[in-house]
Amino acid sequence: MFESLRQSLAQRSVAPTAVALPGYQGPLVEGALTLRKDESLGRWVLETLDYGRAYPLATAEDEAGAEALLLAYLDRPLPPATTVSAAYIESVNEKNAGHVQDLIARTQENSLLIELPAGVAVDRVGALDGTILAPYGTTLGARSLPPYGALPAGTEYHAFITRKDILVRAETAKPWFGQPGGGLRFTIAEDYVGVRDLVISGRLERVDIER
């Protein structure tokens, strides 16, 4: 089952830890994609798994449709990343630092539904796919993620700048993986939309930081 799909993913250099097909029992990076049959819907669901939760991205009628759906989702061309200086990204961060601290104070007990405006530096650790972002430079401990050496193979770092408003749910990361948490995180609050979708639509711009 799904053997041809596994081969197609390998040909695309997709890490085994970045896509969980039925039967896979190994470790997964944050934001890994998965296919599963939802018996209640009678359909296959393409989901992304981020911080222990599954977020649906699309559905298909049958197994063949699910395979085609996953490959089509991954094969969409990504806009090239823009190279920016470390000084520039830090200046963006400083501009928004007060808002971040205010949100941390307001989300100690409950989450908030907000719109991230254009011009905010954010990042994520794991796969490009996923639904969770953090203010740029948030430490792994504040994200409740283990150190890099303990993260699954295939884990990558992705930095972005918002270019249009994005509806998110802001909350403070709770302790997990033996880490203290306490950092702010933003979960995309639009149905069937993940980070990859925002990049392709131009609402999130990938950036490479020049050191």
C-alpha atoms as a PDB file:
ATOM      1  CA  MET A   1       0.000   0.000   0.000  1.00  0.00           C
ATOM      2  CA  PHE A   2       1.348   3.401  -1.087  1.00  0.00           C
ATOM      3  CA  GLU A   3       4.656   1.873  -2.266  1.00  0.00           C
ATOM      4  CA  SER A   4       4.628   3.871  -5.506  1.00  0.00           C
ATOM      5  CA  LEU A   5       3.890   7.017  -3.497  1.00  0.00           C
ATOM      6  CA  ARG A   6       6.861   6.330  -1.217  1.00  0.00           C
ATOM      7  CA  GLN A   7       9.061   6.066  -4.303  1.00  0.00           C
ATOM      8  CA  SER A   8       7.649   9.303  -5.726  1.00  0.00           C
ATOM      9  CA  LEU A   9       8.385  11.098  -2.456  1.00  0.00           C
ATOM     10  CA  ALA A  10      11.937   9.734  -2.387  1.00  0.00           C
ATOM     11  CA  GLN A  11      12.472  10.977  -5.949  1.00  0.00           C
ATOM     12  CA  ARG A  12      11.430  14.433  -4.751  1.00  0.00           C
ATOM     13  CA  SER A  13      13.935  14.220  -1.859  1.00  0.00           C
ATOM     14  CA  VAL A  14      11.122  14.435   0.689  1.00  0.00           C
ATOM     15  CA  ALA A  15      12.449  13.194   4.042  1.00  0.00           C
ATOM     16  CA  PRO A  16      10.654  10.104   5.413  1.00  0.00           C
ATOM     17  CA  THR A  17      10.124  12.068   8.639  1.00  0.00           C
ATOM     18  CA  ALA A  18       8.263  14.821   6.755  1.00  0.00           C
ATOM     19  CA  VAL A  19       5.412  12.652   5.416  1.00  0.00           C
ATOM     20  CA  ALA A  20       3.671   9.917   7.405  1.00  0.00           C
ATOM     21  CA  LEU A  21       1.899   7.375   5.215  1.00  0.00           C
ATOM     22  CA  PRO A  22      -0.360   4.684   6.703  1.00  0.00           C
ATOM     23  CA  GLY A  23       1.764   2.117   8.525  1.00  0.00           C
ATOM     24  CA  TYR A  24       4.683   4.450   9.271  1.00  0.00           C
ATOM     25  CA  GLN A  25       5.653   4.254  12.957  1.00  0.00           C
ATOM     26  CA  GLY A  26       8.872   6.283  13.075  1.00  0.00           C
ATOM     27  CA  PRO A  27       9.628   9.794  14.337  1.00  0.00           C
ATOM     28  CA  LEU A  28       8.151  12.822  12.564  1.00  0.00           C
ATOM     29  CA  VAL A  29       9.258  16.422  12.264  1.00  0.00           C
ATOM     30  CA  GLU A  30       6.865  19.142  13.391  1.00  0.00           C
ATOM     31  CA  GLY A  31       4.497  19.952  10.536  1.00  0.00           C
ATOM     32  CA  ALA A  32       4.803  16.545   8.874  1.00  0.00           C
ATOM     33  CA  LEU A  33       2.109  15.723   6.337  1.00  0.00           C
ATOM     34  CA  THR A  34      -0.005  12.615   6.738  1.00  0.00           C
ATOM     35  CA  LEU A  35      -2.701  10.755   4.821  1.00  0.00           C
ATOM     36  CA  ARG A  36      -5.421   8.877   6.667  1.00  0.00           C
ATOM     37  CA  LYS A  37      -8.813   7.410   5.898  1.00  0.00           C
ATOM     38  CA  ASP A  38     -11.563   9.173   7.847  1.00  0.00           C
ATOM     39  CA  GLU A  39     -14.247   6.537   8.199  1.00  0.00           C
ATOM     40  CA  SER A  40     -16.804   9.046   9.453  1.00  0.00           C
ATOM     41  CA  LEU A  41     -16.412  11.083   6.263  1.00  0.00           C
ATOM     42  CA  GLY A  42     -15.747   8.172   3.959  1.00  0.00           C
ATOM     43  CA  ARG A  43     -12.834  10.168   2.516  1.00  0.00           C
ATOM     44  CA  TRP A  44      -9.071  10.392   2.733  1.00  0.00           C
ATOM     45  CA  VAL A  45      -7.725  13.426   4.572  1.00  0.00           C
ATOM     46  CA  LEU A  46      -4.419  15.211   3.985  1.00  0.00           C
ATOM     47  CA  GLU A  47      -3.328  16.663   7.328  1.00  0.00           C
ATOM     48  CA  THR A  48      -0.341  18.366   8.858  1.00  0.00           C
ATOM     49  CA  LEU A  49       0.770  17.321  12.350  1.00  0.00           C
ATOM     50  CA  ASP A  50       2.095  20.188  14.448  1.00  0.00           C
ATOM     51  CA  TYR A  51       2.791  20.053  18.183  1.00  0.00           C
ATOM     52  CA  GLY A  52       0.745  16.902  18.625  1.00  0.00           C
ATOM     53  CA  ARG A  53      -2.346  18.115  16.781  1.00  0.00           C
ATOM     54  CA  ALA A  54      -3.651  17.298  13.312  1.00  0.00           C
ATOM     55  CA  TYR A  55      -4.868  20.088  11.035  1.00  0.00           C
ATOM     56  CA  PRO A  56      -6.752  19.120   7.832  1.00  0.00           C
ATOM     57  CA  LEU A  57      -5.554  20.638   4.567  1.00  0.00           C
ATOM     58  CA  ALA A  58      -7.588  18.833   1.896  1.00  0.00           C
ATOM     59  CA  THR A  59      -9.605  15.662   1.236  1.00  0.00           C
ATOM     60  CA  ALA A  60      -9.869  13.047  -1.519  1.00  0.00           C
ATOM     61  CA  GLU A  61     -12.464  10.424  -2.369  1.00  0.00           C
ATOM     62  CA  ASP A  62     -10.198   7.376  -2.563  1.00  0.00           C
ATOM     63  CA  GLU A  63      -6.635   6.105  -2.147  1.00  0.00           C
ATOM     64  CA  ALA A  64      -5.589   7.005  -5.684  1.00  0.00           C
ATOM     65  CA  GLY A  65      -7.012  10.476  -5.249  1.00  0.00           C
ATOM     66  CA  ALA A  66      -5.192  10.842  -1.922  1.00  0.00           C
ATOM     67  CA  GLU A  67      -1.853   9.963  -3.548  1.00  0.00           C
ATOM     68  CA  ALA A  68      -2.424  12.482  -6.330  1.00  0.00           C
ATOM     69  CA  LEU A  69      -3.554  15.088  -3.805  1.00  0.00           C
ATOM     70  CA  LEU A  70      -0.404  14.782  -1.694  1.00  0.00           C
ATOM     71  CA  LEU A  71       1.949  15.005  -4.678  1.00  0.00           C
ATOM     72  CA  ALA A  72       0.046  17.943  -6.157  1.00  0.00           C
ATOM     73  CA  TYR A  73       0.212  19.699  -2.786  1.00  0.00           C
ATOM     74  CA  LEU A  74       3.988  19.271  -2.623  1.00  0.00           C
ATOM     75  CA  ASP A  75       4.681  19.940  -6.313  1.00  0.00           C
ATOM     76  CA  ARG A  76       3.359  23.493  -6.348  1.00  0.00           C
ATOM     77  CA  PRO A  77       6.266  25.859  -7.059  1.00  0.00           C
ATOM     78  CA  LEU A  78       7.431  27.967  -4.133  1.00  0.00           C
ATOM     79  CA  PRO A  79       8.459  31.592  -4.621  1.00  0.00           C
ATOM     80  CA  PRO A  80      12.217  31.913  -4.069  1.00  0.00           C
ATOM     81  CA  ALA A  81      13.379  33.025  -0.644  1.00  0.00           C
ATOM     82  CA  THR A  82      14.576  36.604  -0.284  1.00  0.00           C
ATOM     83  CA  THR A  83      17.989  37.193   1.273  1.00  0.00           C
ATOM     84  CA  VAL A  84      17.932  39.823   4.020  1.00  0.00           C
ATOM     85  CA  SER A  85      20.586  41.004   6.449  1.00  0.00           C
ATOM     86  CA  ALA A  86      20.608  40.031  10.103  1.00  0.00           C
ATOM     87  CA  ALA A  87      20.437  43.743  10.928  1.00  0.00           C
ATOM     88  CA  TYR A  88      17.253  44.114   8.890  1.00  0.00           C
ATOM     89  CA  ILE A  89      15.479  41.176  10.498  1.00  0.00           C
ATOM     90  CA  GLU A  90      16.499  42.379  13.956  1.00  0.00           C
ATOM     91  CA  SER A  91      15.113  45.840  13.205  1.00  0.00           C
ATOM     92  CA  VAL A  92      11.796  44.258  12.192  1.00  0.00           C
ATOM     93  CA  ASN A  93      11.837  42.262  15.418  1.00  0.00           C
ATOM     94  CA  GLU A  94      12.569  45.308  17.559  1.00  0.00           C
ATOM     95  CA  LYS A  95       9.705  47.208  15.944  1.00  0.00           C
ATOM     96  CA  ASN A  96       7.264  44.500  17.023  1.00  0.00           C
ATOM     97  CA  ALA A  97       8.844  43.545  20.375  1.00  0.00           C
ATOM     98  CA  GLY A  98       6.360  45.538  22.445  1.00  0.00           C
ATOM     99  CA  HIS A  99       3.377  43.906  20.733  1.00  0.00           C
ATOM    100  CA  VAL A 100       4.870  40.445  21.312  1.00  0.00           C
ATOM    101  CA  GLN A 101       5.359  41.083  25.026  1.00  0.00           C
ATOM    102  CA  ASP A 102       1.817  42.433  25.289  1.00  0.00           C
ATOM    103  CA  LEU A 103       0.420  39.293  23.628  1.00  0.00           C
ATOM    104  CA  ILE A 104       2.450  37.038  25.919  1.00  0.00           C
ATOM    105  CA  ALA A 105       0.959  38.832  28.926  1.00  0.00           C
ATOM    106  CA  ARG A 106      -2.567  38.519  27.522  1.00  0.00           C
ATOM    107  CA  THR A 107      -2.335  34.827  26.596  1.00  0.00           C
ATOM    108  CA  GLN A 108      -1.167  33.330  29.873  1.00  0.00           C
ATOM    109  CA  GLU A 109      -4.601  31.817  30.504  1.00  0.00           C
ATOM    110  CA  ASN A 110      -6.464  31.966  27.190  1.00  0.00           C
ATOM    111  CA  SER A 111      -5.694  32.206  23.490  1.00  0.00           C
ATOM    112  CA  LEU A 112      -6.597  35.228  21.365  1.00  0.00           C
ATOM    113  CA  LEU A 113      -7.863  35.358  17.789  1.00  0.00           C
ATOM    114  CA  ILE A 114      -5.914  38.132  16.072  1.00  0.00           C
ATOM    115  CA  GLU A 115      -4.741  39.250  12.659  1.00  0.00           C
ATOM    116  CA  LEU A 116      -0.996  39.324  12.143  1.00  0.00           C
ATOM    117  CA  PRO A 117      -0.355  42.440  10.043  1.00  0.00           C
ATOM    118  CA  ALA A 118       2.155  42.750   7.240  1.00  0.00           C
ATOM    119  CA  GLY A 119       5.756  43.292   8.303  1.00  0.00           C
ATOM    120  CA  VAL A 120       6.085  40.803  11.172  1.00  0.00           C
ATOM    121  CA  ALA A 121       9.114  38.479  11.323  1.00  0.00           C
ATOM    122  CA  VAL A 122       8.143  34.913  12.240  1.00  0.00           C
ATOM    123  CA  ASP A 123       9.726  31.485  11.985  1.00  0.00           C
ATOM    124  CA  ARG A 124       9.157  27.788  12.585  1.00  0.00           C
ATOM    125  CA  VAL A 125      11.220  24.684  13.339  1.00  0.00           C
ATOM    126  CA  GLY A 126      10.360  21.447  11.531  1.00  0.00           C
ATOM    127  CA  ALA A 127       8.920  21.040   8.048  1.00  0.00           C
ATOM    128  CA  LEU A 128       7.792  23.944   5.895  1.00  0.00           C
ATOM    129  CA  ASP A 129       4.357  22.405   6.232  1.00  0.00           C
ATOM    130  CA  GLY A 130       2.520  23.028   9.462  1.00  0.00           C
ATOM    131  CA  THR A 131       0.235  25.652  10.913  1.00  0.00           C
ATOM    132  CA  ILE A 132       2.281  27.048  13.810  1.00  0.00           C
ATOM    133  CA  LEU A 133       4.620  30.042  13.685  1.00  0.00           C
ATOM    134  CA  ALA A 134       6.539  31.895  16.388  1.00  0.00           C
ATOM    135  CA  PRO A 135       8.010  35.382  16.666  1.00  0.00           C
ATOM    136  CA  TYR A 136      11.385  35.318  14.928  1.00  0.00           C
ATOM    137  CA  GLY A 137      14.193  34.102  17.167  1.00  0.00           C
ATOM    138  CA  THR A 138      12.062  32.417  19.841  1.00  0.00           C
ATOM    139  CA  THR A 139      14.271  29.861  21.618  1.00  0.00           C
ATOM    140  CA  LEU A 140      13.577  26.134  21.368  1.00  0.00           C
ATOM    141  CA  GLY A 141      12.906  25.992  25.098  1.00  0.00           C
ATOM    142  CA  ALA A 142      10.338  28.784  24.864  1.00  0.00           C
ATOM    143  CA  ARG A 143       8.675  26.879  21.999  1.00  0.00           C
ATOM    144  CA  SER A 144       8.600  23.732  24.171  1.00  0.00           C
ATOM    145  CA  LEU A 145      10.803  21.922  21.651  1.00  0.00           C
ATOM    146  CA  PRO A 146      13.815  19.776  22.609  1.00  0.00           C
ATOM    147  CA  PRO A 147      17.367  20.778  21.577  1.00  0.00           C
ATOM    148  CA  TYR A 148      18.284  20.358  17.900  1.00  0.00           C
ATOM    149  CA  GLY A 149      20.291  17.217  18.601  1.00  0.00           C
ATOM    150  CA  ALA A 150      17.164  15.551  19.971  1.00  0.00           C
ATOM    151  CA  LEU A 151      14.873  16.621  17.119  1.00  0.00           C
ATOM    152  CA  PRO A 152      14.055  14.110  14.333  1.00  0.00           C
ATOM    153  CA  ALA A 153      16.222  13.956  11.222  1.00  0.00           C
ATOM    154  CA  GLY A 154      14.855  16.254   8.540  1.00  0.00           C
ATOM    155  CA  THR A 155      14.077  19.077  10.978  1.00  0.00           C
ATOM    156  CA  GLU A 156      14.736  22.435   9.322  1.00  0.00           C
ATOM    157  CA  TYR A 157      14.561  26.097  10.277  1.00  0.00           C
ATOM    158  CA  HIS A 158      12.311  28.431   8.276  1.00  0.00           C
ATOM    159  CA  ALA A 159      12.115  32.224   8.604  1.00  0.00           C
ATOM    160  CA  PHE A 160       9.422  34.460   7.126  1.00  0.00           C
ATOM    161  CA  ILE A 161       8.065  37.981   6.999  1.00  0.00           C
ATOM    162  CA  THR A 162       4.317  38.477   6.778  1.00  0.00           C
ATOM    163  CA  ARG A 163       3.303  40.407   3.655  1.00  0.00           C
ATOM    164  CA  LYS A 164      -0.471  40.471   4.166  1.00  0.00           C
ATOM    165  CA  ASP A 165      -2.807  40.049   7.125  1.00  0.00           C
ATOM    166  CA  ILE A 166      -3.037  36.475   8.447  1.00  0.00           C
ATOM    167  CA  LEU A 167      -5.720  35.294  10.854  1.00  0.00           C
ATOM    168  CA  VAL A 168      -4.080  33.379  13.707  1.00  0.00           C
ATOM    169  CA  ARG A 169      -4.788  32.179  17.217  1.00  0.00           C
ATOM    170  CA  ALA A 170      -2.117  33.543  19.559  1.00  0.00           C
ATOM    171  CA  GLU A 171      -1.233  31.576  22.681  1.00  0.00           C
ATOM    172  CA  THR A 172       1.617  30.975  25.080  1.00  0.00           C
ATOM    173  CA  ALA A 173       3.424  27.654  24.644  1.00  0.00           C
ATOM    174  CA  LYS A 174       2.839  25.331  27.584  1.00  0.00           C
ATOM    175  CA  PRO A 175       5.678  23.185  29.027  1.00  0.00           C
ATOM    176  CA  TRP A 176       6.314  20.083  26.882  1.00  0.00           C
ATOM    177  CA  PHE A 177       9.209  17.746  26.046  1.00  0.00           C
ATOM    178  CA  GLY A 178      10.724  18.740  29.389  1.00  0.00           C
ATOM    179  CA  GLN A 179      11.039  22.330  28.138  1.00  0.00           C
ATOM    180  CA  PRO A 180       9.656  25.371  29.996  1.00  0.00           C
ATOM    181  CA  GLY A 181       7.645  26.946  27.179  1.00  0.00           C
ATOM    182  CA  GLY A 182       6.433  30.483  27.784  1.00  0.00           C
ATOM    183  CA  GLY A 183       7.038  31.743  24.249  1.00  0.00           C
ATOM    184  CA  LEU A 184       4.338  33.115  21.994  1.00  0.00           C
ATOM    185  CA  ARG A 185       3.084  31.048  19.094  1.00  0.00           C
ATOM    186  CA  PHE A 186       0.627  31.700  16.308  1.00  0.00           C
ATOM    187  CA  THR A 187      -1.597  28.954  14.898  1.00  0.00           C
ATOM    188  CA  ILE A 188      -3.121  29.685  11.494  1.00  0.00           C
ATOM    189  CA  ALA A 189      -6.860  30.062  12.096  1.00  0.00           C
ATOM    190  CA  GLU A 190      -8.068  29.712   8.513  1.00  0.00           C
ATOM    191  CA  ASP A 191      -9.647  26.398   7.510  1.00  0.00           C
ATOM    192  CA  TYR A 192      -7.602  24.159   5.213  1.00  0.00           C
ATOM    193  CA  VAL A 193      -4.666  26.592   5.138  1.00  0.00           C
ATOM    194  CA  GLY A 194      -1.100  25.742   6.144  1.00  0.00           C
ATOM    195  CA  VAL A 195       2.224  27.571   6.019  1.00  0.00           C
ATOM    196  CA  ARG A 196       2.976  26.283   2.509  1.00  0.00           C
ATOM    197  CA  ASP A 197      -0.312  27.744   1.251  1.00  0.00           C
ATOM    198  CA  LEU A 198       0.532  31.153   2.715  1.00  0.00           C
ATOM    199  CA  VAL A 199       3.979  31.117   1.095  1.00  0.00           C
ATOM    200  CA  ILE A 200       2.565  30.193  -2.312  1.00  0.00           C
ATOM    201  CA  SER A 201      -0.118  32.877  -2.098  1.00  0.00           C
ATOM    202  CA  GLY A 202       2.482  35.518  -1.159  1.00  0.00           C
ATOM    203  CA  ARG A 203       1.047  36.251   2.263  1.00  0.00           C
ATOM    204  CA  LEU A 204       4.220  34.860   3.867  1.00  0.00           C
ATOM    205  CA  GLU A 205       7.616  35.567   2.333  1.00  0.00           C
ATOM    206  CA  ARG A 206      10.431  33.120   2.994  1.00  0.00           C
ATOM    207  CA  VAL A 207      13.678  34.829   3.970  1.00  0.00           C
ATOM    208  CA  ASP A 208      17.282  33.674   4.211  1.00  0.00           C
ATOM    209  CA  ILE A 209      19.252  35.543   6.863  1.00  0.00           C
ATOM    210  CA  GLU A 210      22.663  36.778   5.748  1.00  0.00           C
ATOM    211  CA  ARG A 211      25.076  36.361   8.647  1.00  0.00           C
END
